[in-house]
Amino acid sequence: MSRFVNCIKLGREAEGLPAPPYPGDLGLRIFENVSREAWQQWLQHQTMLLNEYRLTPIEPKDRKFLEGEMEKFFFGEGSKIPDEFVTPE
């Protein structure tokens, strides 16, 4: 049975996530306010950030950076695309 949330990113009601996708308070906020569709958008954006900035998720400073970007992506001014990023054709 699907659950629905009023997605803060999409600005409409959409299918929610089955469980918090991230630990702690941020994961709970995402679970309560972010749809599956918006979470998939984040995963694509996160992959781009990992590649462009050559981040390693096991590094604490890189995880902290990604967590900050996740917060901005969903609840802030939005996570910016790196200046060097070139959209694949």
C-alpha atoms as a PDB file:
ATOM      1  CA  MET A   1       0.000   0.000   0.000  1.00  0.00           C
ATOM      2  CA  SER A   2       1.465   3.337  -1.072  1.00  0.00           C
ATOM      3  CA  ARG A   3       1.578   6.380   1.122  1.00  0.00           C
ATOM      4  CA  PHE A   4       1.333   9.890  -0.221  1.00  0.00           C
ATOM      5  CA  VAL A   5       3.031  13.086   0.895  1.00  0.00           C
ATOM      6  CA  ASN A   6       2.649  16.704  -0.004  1.00  0.00           C
ATOM      7  CA  CYS A   7       6.066  16.890  -1.668  1.00  0.00           C
ATOM      8  CA  ILE A   8       7.989  20.012  -0.761  1.00  0.00           C
ATOM      9  CA  LYS A   9      10.172  19.714  -3.874  1.00  0.00           C
ATOM     10  CA  LEU A  10       7.431  19.055  -6.446  1.00  0.00           C
ATOM     11  CA  GLY A  11       4.814  21.263  -4.810  1.00  0.00           C
ATOM     12  CA  ARG A  12       2.115  18.628  -5.090  1.00  0.00           C
ATOM     13  CA  GLU A  13       0.894  15.404  -3.573  1.00  0.00           C
ATOM     14  CA  ALA A  14       2.869  12.388  -4.754  1.00  0.00           C
ATOM     15  CA  GLU A  15       3.820   8.867  -3.709  1.00  0.00           C
ATOM     16  CA  GLY A  16       6.059   8.913  -0.644  1.00  0.00           C
ATOM     17  CA  LEU A  17       9.110   6.903   0.244  1.00  0.00           C
ATOM     18  CA  PRO A  18       8.654   3.525   1.962  1.00  0.00           C
ATOM     19  CA  ALA A  19      11.138   4.378   4.743  1.00  0.00           C
ATOM     20  CA  PRO A  20      13.452   7.227   5.775  1.00  0.00           C
ATOM     21  CA  PRO A  21      16.224   7.249   3.153  1.00  0.00           C
ATOM     22  CA  TYR A  22      18.843   8.826   5.413  1.00  0.00           C
ATOM     23  CA  PRO A  23      19.598   8.524   9.139  1.00  0.00           C
ATOM     24  CA  GLY A  24      18.646  11.053  11.772  1.00  0.00           C
ATOM     25  CA  ASP A  25      16.385  14.078  11.733  1.00  0.00           C
ATOM     26  CA  LEU A  26      17.153  14.943   8.108  1.00  0.00           C
ATOM     27  CA  GLY A  27      16.099  11.461   6.986  1.00  0.00           C
ATOM     28  CA  LEU A  28      12.854  11.751   8.937  1.00  0.00           C
ATOM     29  CA  ARG A  29      12.114  15.192   7.432  1.00  0.00           C
ATOM     30  CA  ILE A  30      12.732  13.793   3.959  1.00  0.00           C
ATOM     31  CA  PHE A  31      10.508  10.783   4.672  1.00  0.00           C
ATOM     32  CA  GLU A  32       7.661  13.054   5.807  1.00  0.00           C
ATOM     33  CA  ASN A  33       7.984  15.746   3.103  1.00  0.00           C
ATOM     34  CA  VAL A  34       9.628  14.313  -0.026  1.00  0.00           C
ATOM     35  CA  SER A  35       8.180  12.040  -2.706  1.00  0.00           C
ATOM     36  CA  ARG A  36       9.821   9.084  -4.429  1.00  0.00           C
ATOM     37  CA  GLU A  37      10.068  11.151  -7.602  1.00  0.00           C
ATOM     38  CA  ALA A  38      11.867  14.020  -5.863  1.00  0.00           C
ATOM     39  CA  TRP A  39      14.180  11.555  -4.090  1.00  0.00           C
ATOM     40  CA  GLN A  40      15.144  10.122  -7.494  1.00  0.00           C
ATOM     41  CA  GLN A  41      15.916  13.674  -8.660  1.00  0.00           C
ATOM     42  CA  TRP A  42      18.208  14.053  -5.643  1.00  0.00           C
ATOM     43  CA  LEU A  43      19.997  10.772  -6.396  1.00  0.00           C
ATOM     44  CA  GLN A  44      20.755  11.991  -9.924  1.00  0.00           C
ATOM     45  CA  HIS A  45      21.936  15.358  -8.598  1.00  0.00           C
ATOM     46  CA  GLN A  46      24.035  13.649  -5.926  1.00  0.00           C
ATOM     47  CA  THR A  47      25.695  11.448  -8.547  1.00  0.00           C
ATOM     48  CA  MET A  48      26.596  14.556 -10.529  1.00  0.00           C
ATOM     49  CA  LEU A  49      28.056  16.182  -7.376  1.00  0.00           C
ATOM     50  CA  LEU A  50      30.053  13.040  -6.564  1.00  0.00           C
ATOM     51  CA  ASN A  51      31.501  12.933 -10.062  1.00  0.00           C
ATOM     52  CA  GLU A  52      32.152  16.651 -10.588  1.00  0.00           C
ATOM     53  CA  TYR A  53      33.722  17.249  -7.182  1.00  0.00           C
ATOM     54  CA  ARG A  54      35.357  13.784  -7.064  1.00  0.00           C
ATOM     55  CA  LEU A  55      33.820  13.077  -3.685  1.00  0.00           C
ATOM     56  CA  THR A  56      34.240   9.877  -1.706  1.00  0.00           C
ATOM     57  CA  PRO A  57      31.177   9.043   0.407  1.00  0.00           C
ATOM     58  CA  ILE A  58      33.283   7.273   3.042  1.00  0.00           C
ATOM     59  CA  GLU A  59      35.161  10.517   3.782  1.00  0.00           C
ATOM     60  CA  PRO A  60      33.484  12.399   6.663  1.00  0.00           C
ATOM     61  CA  LYS A  61      34.022  15.837   5.070  1.00  0.00           C
ATOM     62  CA  ASP A  62      32.506  14.639   1.777  1.00  0.00           C
ATOM     63  CA  ARG A  63      29.499  13.123   3.587  1.00  0.00           C
ATOM     64  CA  LYS A  64      29.032  16.387   5.497  1.00  0.00           C
ATOM     65  CA  PHE A  65      29.131  18.327   2.209  1.00  0.00           C
ATOM     66  CA  LEU A  66      26.566  16.004   0.601  1.00  0.00           C
ATOM     67  CA  GLU A  67      24.305  16.235   3.641  1.00  0.00           C
ATOM     68  CA  GLY A  68      24.422  20.030   3.407  1.00  0.00           C
ATOM     69  CA  GLU A  69      23.614  19.896  -0.294  1.00  0.00           C
ATOM     70  CA  MET A  70      20.735  17.492   0.395  1.00  0.00           C
ATOM     71  CA  GLU A  71      19.338  19.928   2.968  1.00  0.00           C
ATOM     72  CA  LYS A  72      19.569  22.787   0.444  1.00  0.00           C
ATOM     73  CA  PHE A  73      18.131  20.647  -2.380  1.00  0.00           C
ATOM     74  CA  PHE A  74      14.944  19.840  -0.468  1.00  0.00           C
ATOM     75  CA  PHE A  75      14.500  22.526   2.164  1.00  0.00           C
ATOM     76  CA  GLY A  76      16.663  25.494   1.166  1.00  0.00           C
ATOM     77  CA  GLU A  77      17.602  27.542  -1.846  1.00  0.00           C
ATOM     78  CA  GLY A  78      18.467  24.462  -3.889  1.00  0.00           C
ATOM     79  CA  SER A  79      21.759  22.715  -4.513  1.00  0.00           C
ATOM     80  CA  LYS A  80      23.692  24.423  -7.271  1.00  0.00           C
ATOM     81  CA  ILE A  81      25.217  22.677 -10.260  1.00  0.00           C
ATOM     82  CA  PRO A  82      29.032  23.046 -10.325  1.00  0.00           C
ATOM     83  CA  ASP A  83      30.251  25.738 -12.731  1.00  0.00           C
ATOM     84  CA  GLU A  84      32.409  23.180 -14.558  1.00  0.00           C
ATOM     85  CA  PHE A  85      29.484  20.825 -15.238  1.00  0.00           C
ATOM     86  CA  VAL A  86      28.667  20.272 -18.904  1.00  0.00           C
ATOM     87  CA  THR A  87      25.287  18.672 -19.632  1.00  0.00           C
ATOM     88  CA  PRO A  88      25.789  15.483 -21.671  1.00  0.00           C
ATOM     89  CA  GLU A  89      24.341  15.711 -25.156  1.00  0.00           C
END
